[in-house]
């Protein structure tokens, strides 16, 4: 008889890691399905059933308003950054640079 189909010995932490990876993959798949805006019904081995419906018109309007508010906030933030950058450029232009002849040499330090 050949031993080719037998699994190698593994430790408890390796088995736990494999279980965690499988459960994480299943959970991510369920999360993607649940967050989709399509009509879906999930059935977990007849233990519990969930149903997801597309958002209503009112929910869509509120989502649109939220997106617009975020865009406006980002535009305001970008404008503030641009204004600050322009102010910095103006301040740098107003600074007078002293010529080297007015600087002190080490012999002139009191």
PDB file of N, CA and C in Angstrom:
ATOM      1  N   UNK A   1       0.822  -1.173   0.000  1.00  0.00           N
ATOM      2  CA  UNK A   1       0.000   0.000   0.000  1.00  0.00           C
ATOM      3  C   UNK A   1       0.874   1.248   0.000  1.00  0.00           C
ATOM      4  N   UNK A   2       0.483   2.255  -0.748  1.00  0.00           N
ATOM      5  CA  UNK A   2       1.267   3.475  -0.876  1.00  0.00           C
ATOM      6  C   UNK A   2       0.795   4.519   0.128  1.00  0.00           C
ATOM      7  N   UNK A   3       1.737   5.298   0.647  1.00  0.00           N
ATOM      8  CA  UNK A   3       1.443   6.344   1.622  1.00  0.00           C
ATOM      9  C   UNK A   3       1.331   7.715   0.940  1.00  0.00           C
ATOM     10  N   UNK A   4       1.136   7.776  -0.354  1.00  0.00           N
ATOM     11  CA  UNK A   4       1.164   9.037  -1.103  1.00  0.00           C
ATOM     12  C   UNK A   4       0.008   9.961  -0.745  1.00  0.00           C
ATOM     13  N   UNK A   5      -1.146   9.437  -0.345  1.00  0.00           N
ATOM     14  CA  UNK A   5      -2.310  10.280  -0.079  1.00  0.00           C
ATOM     15  C   UNK A   5      -2.419  10.739   1.356  1.00  0.00           C
ATOM     16  N   UNK A   6      -1.485  10.378   2.207  1.00  0.00           N
ATOM     17  CA  UNK A   6      -1.575  10.725   3.619  1.00  0.00           C
ATOM     18  C   UNK A   6      -1.033  12.132   3.851  1.00  0.00           C
ATOM     19  N   UNK A   7      -1.729  12.890   4.693  1.00  0.00           N
ATOM     20  CA  UNK A   7      -1.281  14.238   5.037  1.00  0.00           C
ATOM     21  C   UNK A   7      -0.114  14.166   6.006  1.00  0.00           C
ATOM     22  N   UNK A   8       0.719  15.172   5.938  1.00  0.00           N
ATOM     23  CA  UNK A   8       1.824  15.252   6.883  1.00  0.00           C
ATOM     24  C   UNK A   8       1.291  15.674   8.241  1.00  0.00           C
ATOM     25  N   UNK A   9       2.068  15.434   9.271  1.00  0.00           N
ATOM     26  CA  UNK A   9       1.674  15.863  10.607  1.00  0.00           C
ATOM     27  C   UNK A   9       1.641  17.382  10.671  1.00  0.00           C
ATOM     28  N   UNK A  10       0.698  17.909  11.398  1.00  0.00           N
ATOM     29  CA  UNK A  10       0.587  19.360  11.552  1.00  0.00           C
ATOM     30  C   UNK A  10       0.283  19.680  13.011  1.00  0.00           C
ATOM     31  N   UNK A  11       0.614  20.906  13.390  1.00  0.00           N
ATOM     32  CA  UNK A  11       0.409  21.296  14.780  1.00  0.00           C
ATOM     33  C   UNK A  11      -0.955  21.957  14.950  1.00  0.00           C
ATOM     34  N   UNK A  12      -1.312  22.179  16.202  1.00  0.00           N
ATOM     35  CA  UNK A  12      -2.604  22.778  16.511  1.00  0.00           C
ATOM     36  C   UNK A  12      -2.669  24.214  15.993  1.00  0.00           C
ATOM     37  N   UNK A  13      -1.579  24.963  16.093  1.00  0.00           N
ATOM     38  CA  UNK A  13      -1.616  26.347  15.620  1.00  0.00           C
ATOM     39  C   UNK A  13      -1.742  26.414  14.098  1.00  0.00           C
ATOM     40  N   UNK A  14      -1.193  25.452  13.391  1.00  0.00           N
ATOM     41  CA  UNK A  14      -1.366  25.420  11.936  1.00  0.00           C
ATOM     42  C   UNK A  14      -2.822  25.106  11.574  1.00  0.00           C
ATOM     43  N   UNK A  15      -3.445  24.189  12.302  1.00  0.00           N
ATOM     44  CA  UNK A  15      -4.855  23.866  12.064  1.00  0.00           C
ATOM     45  C   UNK A  15      -5.735  25.074  12.381  1.00  0.00           C
ATOM     46  N   UNK A  16      -5.426  25.767  13.476  1.00  0.00           N
ATOM     47  CA  UNK A  16      -6.198  26.958  13.842  1.00  0.00           C
ATOM     48  C   UNK A  16      -6.036  28.041  12.780  1.00  0.00           C
ATOM     49  N   UNK A  17      -4.832  28.200  12.267  1.00  0.00           N
ATOM     50  CA  UNK A  17      -4.602  29.181  11.209  1.00  0.00           C
ATOM     51  C   UNK A  17      -5.392  28.863   9.958  1.00  0.00           C
ATOM     52  N   UNK A  18      -5.454  27.594   9.604  1.00  0.00           N
ATOM     53  CA  UNK A  18      -6.225  27.189   8.425  1.00  0.00           C
ATOM     54  C   UNK A  18      -7.711  27.464   8.622  1.00  0.00           C
ATOM     55  N   UNK A  19      -8.226  27.175   9.810  1.00  0.00           N
ATOM     56  CA  UNK A  19      -9.643  27.438  10.102  1.00  0.00           C
ATOM     57  C   UNK A  19      -9.924  28.932  10.026  1.00  0.00           C
ATOM     58  N   UNK A  20      -9.041  29.746  10.579  1.00  0.00           N
ATOM     59  CA  UNK A  20      -9.226  31.200  10.554  1.00  0.00           C
ATOM     60  C   UNK A  20      -9.214  31.714   9.120  1.00  0.00           C
ATOM     61  N   UNK A  21      -8.305  31.213   8.291  1.00  0.00           N
ATOM     62  CA  UNK A  21      -8.256  31.654   6.890  1.00  0.00           C
ATOM     63  C   UNK A  21      -9.533  31.297   6.145  1.00  0.00           C
ATOM     64  N   UNK A  22     -10.042  30.086   6.355  1.00  0.00           N
ATOM     65  CA  UNK A  22     -11.272  29.671   5.665  1.00  0.00           C
ATOM     66  C   UNK A  22     -12.453  30.518   6.144  1.00  0.00           C
ATOM     67  N   UNK A  23     -12.573  30.703   7.451  1.00  0.00           N
ATOM     68  CA  UNK A  23     -13.682  31.513   7.977  1.00  0.00           C
ATOM     69  C   UNK A  23     -13.575  32.964   7.508  1.00  0.00           C
ATOM     70  N   UNK A  24     -12.372  33.501   7.434  1.00  0.00           N
ATOM     71  CA  UNK A  24     -12.194  34.868   6.944  1.00  0.00           C
ATOM     72  C   UNK A  24     -12.601  35.006   5.497  1.00  0.00           C
ATOM     73  N   UNK A  25     -12.272  34.011   4.669  1.00  0.00           N
ATOM     74  CA  UNK A  25     -12.659  34.053   3.257  1.00  0.00           C
ATOM     75  C   UNK A  25     -14.174  33.995   3.109  1.00  0.00           C
ATOM     76  N   UNK A  26     -14.821  33.125   3.870  1.00  0.00           N
ATOM     77  CA  UNK A  26     -16.283  33.024   3.802  1.00  0.00           C
ATOM     78  C   UNK A  26     -16.922  34.320   4.291  1.00  0.00           C
ATOM     79  N   UNK A  27     -16.402  34.879   5.379  1.00  0.00           N
ATOM     80  CA  UNK A  27     -16.957  36.129   5.918  1.00  0.00           C
ATOM     81  C   UNK A  27     -16.784  37.270   4.930  1.00  0.00           C
ATOM     82  N   UNK A  28     -15.630  37.352   4.241  1.00  0.00           N
ATOM     83  CA  UNK A  28     -15.446  38.432   3.262  1.00  0.00           C
ATOM     84  C   UNK A  28     -16.414  38.293   2.107  1.00  0.00           C
ATOM     85  N   UNK A  29     -16.643  37.070   1.662  1.00  0.00           N
ATOM     86  CA  UNK A  29     -17.594  36.853   0.580  1.00  0.00           C
ATOM     87  C   UNK A  29     -19.000  37.266   0.998  1.00  0.00           C
ATOM     88  N   UNK A  30     -19.408  36.879   2.202  1.00  0.00           N
ATOM     89  CA  UNK A  30     -20.730  37.268   2.695  1.00  0.00           C
ATOM     90  C   UNK A  30     -20.840  38.781   2.857  1.00  0.00           C
ATOM     91  N   UNK A  31     -19.760  39.434   3.275  1.00  0.00           N
ATOM     92  CA  UNK A  31     -19.767  40.882   3.440  1.00  0.00           C
ATOM     93  C   UNK A  31     -19.933  41.587   2.095  1.00  0.00           C
ATOM     94  N   UNK A  32     -19.248  41.108   1.075  1.00  0.00           N
ATOM     95  CA  UNK A  32     -19.389  41.704  -0.259  1.00  0.00           C
ATOM     96  C   UNK A  32     -20.818  41.555  -0.759  1.00  0.00           C
ATOM     97  N   UNK A  33     -21.385  40.373  -0.567  1.00  0.00           N
ATOM     98  CA  UNK A  33     -22.763  40.155  -1.005  1.00  0.00           C
ATOM     99  C   UNK A  33     -23.716  41.050  -0.227  1.00  0.00           C
ATOM    100  N   UNK A  34     -23.514  41.159   1.073  1.00  0.00           N
ATOM    101  CA  UNK A  34     -24.433  41.929   1.912  1.00  0.00           C
ATOM    102  C   UNK A  34     -24.345  43.417   1.611  1.00  0.00           C
ATOM    103  N   UNK A  35     -23.162  43.931   1.297  1.00  0.00           N
ATOM    104  CA  UNK A  35     -23.009  45.358   1.029  1.00  0.00           C
ATOM    105  C   UNK A  35     -23.442  45.738  -0.378  1.00  0.00           C
ATOM    106  N   UNK A  36     -23.666  44.774  -1.235  1.00  0.00           N
ATOM    107  CA  UNK A  36     -24.128  45.103  -2.574  1.00  0.00           C
ATOM    108  C   UNK A  36     -25.550  45.644  -2.482  1.00  0.00           C
ATOM    109  N   UNK A  37     -25.919  46.467  -3.440  1.00  0.00           N
ATOM    110  CA  UNK A  37     -27.232  47.097  -3.403  1.00  0.00           C
ATOM    111  C   UNK A  37     -28.270  46.307  -4.176  1.00  0.00           C
ATOM    112  N   UNK A  38     -27.967  45.055  -4.488  1.00  0.00           N
ATOM    113  CA  UNK A  38     -28.927  44.249  -5.226  1.00  0.00           C
ATOM    114  C   UNK A  38     -29.802  43.455  -4.257  1.00  0.00           C
ATOM    115  N   UNK A  39     -30.855  42.874  -4.786  1.00  0.00           N
ATOM    116  CA  UNK A  39     -31.735  42.049  -3.976  1.00  0.00           C
ATOM    117  C   UNK A  39     -31.064  40.706  -3.737  1.00  0.00           C
ATOM    118  N   UNK A  40     -30.866  40.347  -2.487  1.00  0.00           N
ATOM    119  CA  UNK A  40     -30.250  39.054  -2.200  1.00  0.00           C
ATOM    120  C   UNK A  40     -30.852  38.477  -0.930  1.00  0.00           C
ATOM    121  N   UNK A  41     -30.869  37.178  -0.889  1.00  0.00           N
ATOM    122  CA  UNK A  41     -31.362  36.459   0.283  1.00  0.00           C
ATOM    123  C   UNK A  41     -30.268  35.486   0.683  1.00  0.00           C
ATOM    124  N   UNK A  42     -29.840  35.577   1.931  1.00  0.00           N
ATOM    125  CA  UNK A  42     -28.778  34.689   2.399  1.00  0.00           C
ATOM    126  C   UNK A  42     -29.386  33.657   3.347  1.00  0.00           C
ATOM    127  N   UNK A  43     -28.975  32.423   3.181  1.00  0.00           N
ATOM    128  CA  UNK A  43     -29.480  31.329   3.981  1.00  0.00           C
ATOM    129  C   UNK A  43     -28.277  30.560   4.513  1.00  0.00           C
ATOM    130  N   UNK A  44     -28.090  30.568   5.810  1.00  0.00           N
ATOM    131  CA  UNK A  44     -26.952  29.868   6.402  1.00  0.00           C
ATOM    132  C   UNK A  44     -27.434  28.539   6.977  1.00  0.00           C
ATOM    133  N   UNK A  45     -27.403  27.530   6.162  1.00  0.00           N
ATOM    134  CA  UNK A  45     -27.754  26.166   6.571  1.00  0.00           C
ATOM    135  C   UNK A  45     -29.118  26.103   7.264  1.00  0.00           C
ATOM    136  N   UNK A  46     -30.021  26.893   6.824  1.00  0.00           N
ATOM    137  CA  UNK A  46     -31.384  26.964   7.377  1.00  0.00           C
ATOM    138  C   UNK A  46     -31.410  27.353   8.849  1.00  0.00           C
ATOM    139  N   UNK A  47     -30.321  27.881   9.352  1.00  0.00           N
ATOM    140  CA  UNK A  47     -30.307  28.351  10.739  1.00  0.00           C
ATOM    141  C   UNK A  47     -30.932  29.740  10.801  1.00  0.00           C
ATOM    142  N   UNK A  48     -30.493  30.635   9.920  1.00  0.00           N
ATOM    143  CA  UNK A  48     -31.125  31.944   9.819  1.00  0.00           C
ATOM    144  C   UNK A  48     -31.120  32.390   8.368  1.00  0.00           C
ATOM    145  N   UNK A  49     -32.072  33.244   8.047  1.00  0.00           N
ATOM    146  CA  UNK A  49     -32.184  33.760   6.691  1.00  0.00           C
ATOM    147  C   UNK A  49     -32.213  35.280   6.751  1.00  0.00           C
ATOM    148  N   UNK A  50     -31.482  35.902   5.853  1.00  0.00           N
ATOM    149  CA  UNK A  50     -31.450  37.363   5.772  1.00  0.00           C
ATOM    150  C   UNK A  50     -31.851  37.771   4.359  1.00  0.00           C
ATOM    151  N   UNK A  51     -32.484  38.910   4.257  1.00  0.00           N
ATOM    152  CA  UNK A  51     -32.872  39.405   2.937  1.00  0.00           C
ATOM    153  C   UNK A  51     -32.481  40.865   2.844  1.00  0.00           C
ATOM    154  N   UNK A  52     -31.928  41.221   1.720  1.00  0.00           N
ATOM    155  CA  UNK A  52     -31.486  42.602   1.494  1.00  0.00           C
ATOM    156  C   UNK A  52     -32.201  43.125   0.262  1.00  0.00           C
ATOM    157  N   UNK A  53     -32.801  44.288   0.387  1.00  0.00           N
ATOM    158  CA  UNK A  53     -33.514  44.912  -0.732  1.00  0.00           C
ATOM    159  C   UNK A  53     -32.747  46.153  -1.180  1.00  0.00           C
ATOM    160  N   UNK A  54     -32.908  46.547  -2.429  1.00  0.00           N
ATOM    161  CA  UNK A  54     -32.272  47.783  -2.895  1.00  0.00           C
ATOM    162  C   UNK A  54     -32.823  48.984  -2.121  1.00  0.00           C
ATOM    163  N   UNK A  55     -32.048  50.062  -2.015  1.00  0.00           N
ATOM    164  CA  UNK A  55     -32.528  51.224  -1.264  1.00  0.00           C
ATOM    165  C   UNK A  55     -33.724  51.879  -1.958  1.00  0.00           C
ATOM    166  N   UNK A  56     -34.559  52.487  -1.137  1.00  0.00           N
ATOM    167  CA  UNK A  56     -35.727  53.185  -1.672  1.00  0.00           C
ATOM    168  C   UNK A  56     -35.297  54.535  -2.246  1.00  0.00           C
ATOM    169  N   UNK A  57     -36.253  55.245  -2.839  1.00  0.00           N
ATOM    170  CA  UNK A  57     -35.956  56.552  -3.433  1.00  0.00           C
ATOM    171  C   UNK A  57     -35.475  57.546  -2.372  1.00  0.00           C
ATOM    172  N   UNK A  58     -36.085  57.504  -1.191  1.00  0.00           N
ATOM    173  CA  UNK A  58     -35.682  58.428  -0.118  1.00  0.00           C
ATOM    174  C   UNK A  58     -34.248  58.153   0.329  1.00  0.00           C
ATOM    175  N   UNK A  59     -33.897  56.869   0.457  1.00  0.00           N
ATOM    176  CA  UNK A  59     -32.528  56.518   0.838  1.00  0.00           C
ATOM    177  C   UNK A  59     -31.535  56.959  -0.224  1.00  0.00           C
ATOM    178  N   UNK A  60     -31.916  56.815  -1.490  1.00  0.00           N
ATOM    179  CA  UNK A  60     -31.027  57.239  -2.577  1.00  0.00           C
ATOM    180  C   UNK A  60     -30.799  58.747  -2.540  1.00  0.00           C
ATOM    181  N   UNK A  61     -31.856  59.519  -2.233  1.00  0.00           N
ATOM    182  CA  UNK A  61     -31.716  60.980  -2.142  1.00  0.00           C
ATOM    183  C   UNK A  61     -30.792  61.348  -0.988  1.00  0.00           C
ATOM    184  N   UNK A  62     -30.950  60.668   0.148  1.00  0.00           N
ATOM    185  CA  UNK A  62     -30.095  60.990   1.295  1.00  0.00           C
ATOM    186  C   UNK A  62     -28.644  60.610   0.991  1.00  0.00           C
ATOM    187  N   UNK A  63     -28.436  59.485   0.300  1.00  0.00           N
ATOM    188  CA  UNK A  63     -27.076  59.106  -0.082  1.00  0.00           C
ATOM    189  C   UNK A  63     -26.473  60.127  -1.034  1.00  0.00           C
ATOM    190  N   UNK A  64     -27.283  60.614  -1.967  1.00  0.00           N
ATOM    191  CA  UNK A  64     -26.798  61.622  -2.913  1.00  0.00           C
ATOM    192  C   UNK A  64     -26.419  62.905  -2.172  1.00  0.00           C
ATOM    193  N   UNK A  65     -27.239  63.296  -1.189  1.00  0.00           N
ATOM    194  CA  UNK A  65     -26.932  64.493  -0.400  1.00  0.00           C
ATOM    195  C   UNK A  65     -25.648  64.305   0.406  1.00  0.00           C
ATOM    196  N   UNK A  66     -25.428  63.110   0.953  1.00  0.00           N
ATOM    197  CA  UNK A  66     -24.211  62.850   1.717  1.00  0.00           C
ATOM    198  C   UNK A  66     -22.976  62.936   0.823  1.00  0.00           C
ATOM    199  N   UNK A  67     -23.074  62.385  -0.383  1.00  0.00           N
ATOM    200  CA  UNK A  67     -21.951  62.440  -1.314  1.00  0.00           C
ATOM    201  C   UNK A  67     -21.649  63.881  -1.697  1.00  0.00           C
ATOM    202  N   UNK A  68     -22.698  64.670  -1.953  1.00  0.00           N
ATOM    203  CA  UNK A  68     -22.505  66.072  -2.320  1.00  0.00           C
ATOM    204  C   UNK A  68     -21.877  66.856  -1.167  1.00  0.00           C
ATOM    205  N   UNK A  69     -22.318  66.580   0.056  1.00  0.00           N
ATOM    206  CA  UNK A  69     -21.754  67.265   1.223  1.00  0.00           C
ATOM    207  C   UNK A  69     -20.266  66.943   1.372  1.00  0.00           C
ATOM    208  N   UNK A  70     -19.888  65.696   1.141  1.00  0.00           N
ATOM    209  CA  UNK A  70     -18.473  65.321   1.230  1.00  0.00           C
ATOM    210  C   UNK A  70     -17.660  66.002   0.139  1.00  0.00           C
ATOM    211  N   UNK A  71     -18.223  66.094  -1.076  1.00  0.00           N
ATOM    212  CA  UNK A  71     -17.516  66.776  -2.162  1.00  0.00           C
ATOM    213  C   UNK A  71     -17.329  68.255  -1.830  1.00  0.00           C
ATOM    214  N   UNK A  72     -18.374  68.889  -1.275  1.00  0.00           N
ATOM    215  CA  UNK A  72     -18.268  70.304  -0.906  1.00  0.00           C
ATOM    216  C   UNK A  72     -17.226  70.515   0.181  1.00  0.00           C
ATOM    217  N   UNK A  73     -17.201  69.627   1.173  1.00  0.00           N
ATOM    218  CA  UNK A  73     -16.220  69.746   2.252  1.00  0.00           C
ATOM    219  C   UNK A  73     -14.805  69.590   1.701  1.00  0.00           C
ATOM    220  N   UNK A  74     -14.618  68.665   0.777  1.00  0.00           N
ATOM    221  CA  UNK A  74     -13.295  68.476   0.184  1.00  0.00           C
ATOM    222  C   UNK A  74     -12.893  69.695  -0.641  1.00  0.00           C
ATOM    223  N   UNK A  75     -13.844  70.261  -1.378  1.00  0.00           N
ATOM    224  CA  UNK A  75     -13.550  71.445  -2.179  1.00  0.00           C
ATOM    225  C   UNK A  75     -13.159  72.622  -1.280  1.00  0.00           C
ATOM    226  N   UNK A  76     -13.862  72.785  -0.157  1.00  0.00           N
ATOM    227  CA  UNK A  76     -13.524  73.854   0.794  1.00  0.00           C
ATOM    228  C   UNK A  76     -12.130  73.639   1.377  1.00  0.00           C
ATOM    229  N   UNK A  77     -11.813  72.400   1.709  1.00  0.00           N
ATOM    230  CA  UNK A  77     -10.507  72.097   2.275  1.00  0.00           C
ATOM    231  C   UNK A  77      -9.400  72.386   1.258  1.00  0.00           C
ATOM    232  N   UNK A  78      -9.626  71.986  -0.002  1.00  0.00           N
ATOM    233  CA  UNK A  78      -8.645  72.249  -1.053  1.00  0.00           C
ATOM    234  C   UNK A  78      -8.468  73.749  -1.268  1.00  0.00           C
ATOM    235  N   UNK A  79      -9.568  74.495  -1.197  1.00  0.00           N
ATOM    236  CA  UNK A  79      -9.499  75.946  -1.381  1.00  0.00           C
ATOM    237  C   UNK A  79      -8.698  76.586  -0.240  1.00  0.00           C
ATOM    238  N   UNK A  80      -8.941  76.120   0.986  1.00  0.00           N
ATOM    239  CA  UNK A  80      -8.184  76.642   2.127  1.00  0.00           C
ATOM    240  C   UNK A  80      -6.687  76.360   1.968  1.00  0.00           C
ATOM    241  N   UNK A  81      -6.336  75.157   1.500  1.00  0.00           N
ATOM    242  CA  UNK A  81      -4.925  74.833   1.287  1.00  0.00           C
ATOM    243  C   UNK A  81      -4.318  75.736   0.218  1.00  0.00           C
ATOM    244  N   UNK A  82      -5.082  75.978  -0.853  1.00  0.00           N
ATOM    245  CA  UNK A  82      -4.589  76.838  -1.930  1.00  0.00           C
ATOM    246  C   UNK A  82      -4.389  78.264  -1.422  1.00  0.00           C
ATOM    247  N   UNK A  83      -5.342  78.759  -0.616  1.00  0.00           N
ATOM    248  CA  UNK A  83      -5.212  80.110  -0.062  1.00  0.00           C
ATOM    249  C   UNK A  83      -3.988  80.209   0.841  1.00  0.00           C
ATOM    250  N   UNK A  84      -3.748  79.190   1.666  1.00  0.00           N
ATOM    251  CA  UNK A  84      -2.594  79.193   2.560  1.00  0.00           C
ATOM    252  C   UNK A  84      -1.294  79.161   1.749  1.00  0.00           C
ATOM    253  N   UNK A  85      -1.287  78.407   0.678  1.00  0.00           N
ATOM    254  CA  UNK A  85      -0.097  78.330  -0.172  1.00  0.00           C
ATOM    255  C   UNK A  85       0.189  79.685  -0.821  1.00  0.00           C
ATOM    256  N   UNK A  86      -0.870  80.351  -1.315  1.00  0.00           N
ATOM    257  CA  UNK A  86      -0.692  81.669  -1.919  1.00  0.00           C
ATOM    258  C   UNK A  86      -0.200  82.678  -0.887  1.00  0.00           C
ATOM    259  N   UNK A  87      -0.720  82.591   0.346  1.00  0.00           N
ATOM    260  CA  UNK A  87      -0.294  83.500   1.412  1.00  0.00           C
ATOM    261  C   UNK A  87       1.178  83.274   1.736  1.00  0.00           C
ATOM    262  N   UNK A  88       1.617  82.030   1.784  1.00  0.00           N
ATOM    263  CA  UNK A  88       3.026  81.731   2.035  1.00  0.00           C
ATOM    264  C   UNK A  88       3.910  82.293   0.923  1.00  0.00           C
ATOM    265  N   UNK A  89       3.478  82.183  -0.319  1.00  0.00           N
ATOM    266  CA  UNK A  89       4.262  82.697  -1.438  1.00  0.00           C
ATOM    267  C   UNK A  89       4.383  84.222  -1.362  1.00  0.00           C
ATOM    268  N   UNK A  90       3.301  84.897  -0.956  1.00  0.00           N
ATOM    269  CA  UNK A  90       3.336  86.352  -0.826  1.00  0.00           C
ATOM    270  C   UNK A  90       4.298  86.754   0.277  1.00  0.00           C
ATOM    271  N   UNK A  91       4.260  86.054   1.408  1.00  0.00           N
ATOM    272  CA  UNK A  91       5.147  86.380   2.523  1.00  0.00           C
ATOM    273  C   UNK A  91       6.610  86.171   2.148  1.00  0.00           C
ATOM    274  N   UNK A  92       6.911  85.146   1.373  1.00  0.00           N
ATOM    275  CA  UNK A  92       8.294  84.909   0.971  1.00  0.00           C
ATOM    276  C   UNK A  92       8.790  86.005   0.036  1.00  0.00           C
ATOM    277  N   UNK A  93       7.912  86.564  -0.771  1.00  0.00           N
ATOM    278  CA  UNK A  93       8.302  87.628  -1.698  1.00  0.00           C
ATOM    279  C   UNK A  93       8.609  88.926  -0.949  1.00  0.00           C
ATOM    280  N   UNK A  94       8.003  89.136   0.217  1.00  0.00           N
ATOM    281  CA  UNK A  94       8.181  90.389   0.954  1.00  0.00           C
ATOM    282  C   UNK A  94       9.434  90.394   1.823  1.00  0.00           C
ATOM    283  N   UNK A  95      10.070  89.257   2.030  1.00  0.00           N
ATOM    284  CA  UNK A  95      11.246  89.175   2.904  1.00  0.00           C
ATOM    285  C   UNK A  95      12.446  89.793   2.186  1.00  0.00           C
ATOM    286  N   UNK A  96      13.115  90.714   2.884  1.00  0.00           N
ATOM    287  CA  UNK A  96      14.330  91.325   2.343  1.00  0.00           C
ATOM    288  C   UNK A  96      15.528  90.501   2.800  1.00  0.00           C
ATOM    289  N   UNK A  97      16.395  90.209   1.867  1.00  0.00           N
ATOM    290  CA  UNK A  97      17.594  89.430   2.184  1.00  0.00           C
ATOM    291  C   UNK A  97      18.743  90.403   2.375  1.00  0.00           C
ATOM    292  N   UNK A  98      19.432  90.242   3.518  1.00  0.00           N
ATOM    293  CA  UNK A  98      20.558  91.121   3.812  1.00  0.00           C
ATOM    294  C   UNK A  98      21.749  90.730   2.957  1.00  0.00           C
ATOM    295  N   UNK A  99      22.488  91.704   2.483  1.00  0.00           N
ATOM    296  CA  UNK A  99      23.694  91.363   1.733  1.00  0.00           C
ATOM    297  C   UNK A  99      24.752  90.776   2.666  1.00  0.00           C
ATOM    298  N   UNK A 100      25.707  90.056   2.123  1.00  0.00           N
ATOM    299  CA  UNK A 100      26.726  89.399   2.926  1.00  0.00           C
ATOM    300  C   UNK A 100      27.651  90.400   3.609  1.00  0.00           C
ATOM    301  N   UNK A 101      27.760  91.576   3.101  1.00  0.00           N
ATOM    302  CA  UNK A 101      28.674  92.553   3.693  1.00  0.00           C
ATOM    303  C   UNK A 101      28.204  93.000   5.068  1.00  0.00           C
ATOM    304  N   UNK A 102      26.908  92.885   5.361  1.00  0.00           N
ATOM    305  CA  UNK A 102      26.393  93.302   6.663  1.00  0.00           C
ATOM    306  C   UNK A 102      26.450  92.187   7.702  1.00  0.00           C
ATOM    307  N   UNK A 103      26.854  91.015   7.305  1.00  0.00           N
ATOM    308  CA  UNK A 103      26.908  89.919   8.267  1.00  0.00           C
ATOM    309  C   UNK A 103      28.179  90.031   9.103  1.00  0.00           C
ATOM    310  N   UNK A 104      28.132  89.430  10.283  1.00  0.00           N
ATOM    311  CA  UNK A 104      29.269  89.516  11.197  1.00  0.00           C
ATOM    312  C   UNK A 104      30.264  88.408  10.902  1.00  0.00           C
ATOM    313  N   UNK A 105      31.515  88.703  11.040  1.00  0.00           N
ATOM    314  CA  UNK A 105      32.566  87.692  10.919  1.00  0.00           C
ATOM    315  C   UNK A 105      32.933  87.214  12.304  1.00  0.00           C
ATOM    316  N   UNK A 106      33.601  86.084  12.439  1.00  0.00           N
ATOM    317  CA  UNK A 106      33.957  85.574  13.769  1.00  0.00           C
ATOM    318  C   UNK A 106      34.820  86.550  14.574  1.00  0.00           C
ATOM    319  N   UNK A 107      35.599  87.403  13.928  1.00  0.00           N
ATOM    320  CA  UNK A 107      36.443  88.355  14.657  1.00  0.00           C
ATOM    321  C   UNK A 107      35.624  89.487  15.282  1.00  0.00           C
ATOM    322  N   UNK A 108      34.436  89.764  14.762  1.00  0.00           N
ATOM    323  CA  UNK A 108      33.634  90.872  15.255  1.00  0.00           C
ATOM    324  C   UNK A 108      32.696  90.461  16.392  1.00  0.00           C
ATOM    325  N   UNK A 109      32.653  89.207  16.767  1.00  0.00           N
ATOM    326  CA  UNK A 109      31.761  88.785  17.831  1.00  0.00           C
ATOM    327  C   UNK A 109      32.294  89.277  19.147  1.00  0.00           C
ATOM    328  N   UNK A 110      31.474  89.963  19.935  1.00  0.00           N
ATOM    329  CA  UNK A 110      31.955  90.527  21.214  1.00  0.00           C
ATOM    330  C   UNK A 110      32.220  89.506  22.270  1.00  0.00           C
TER     331      UNK A 110
END
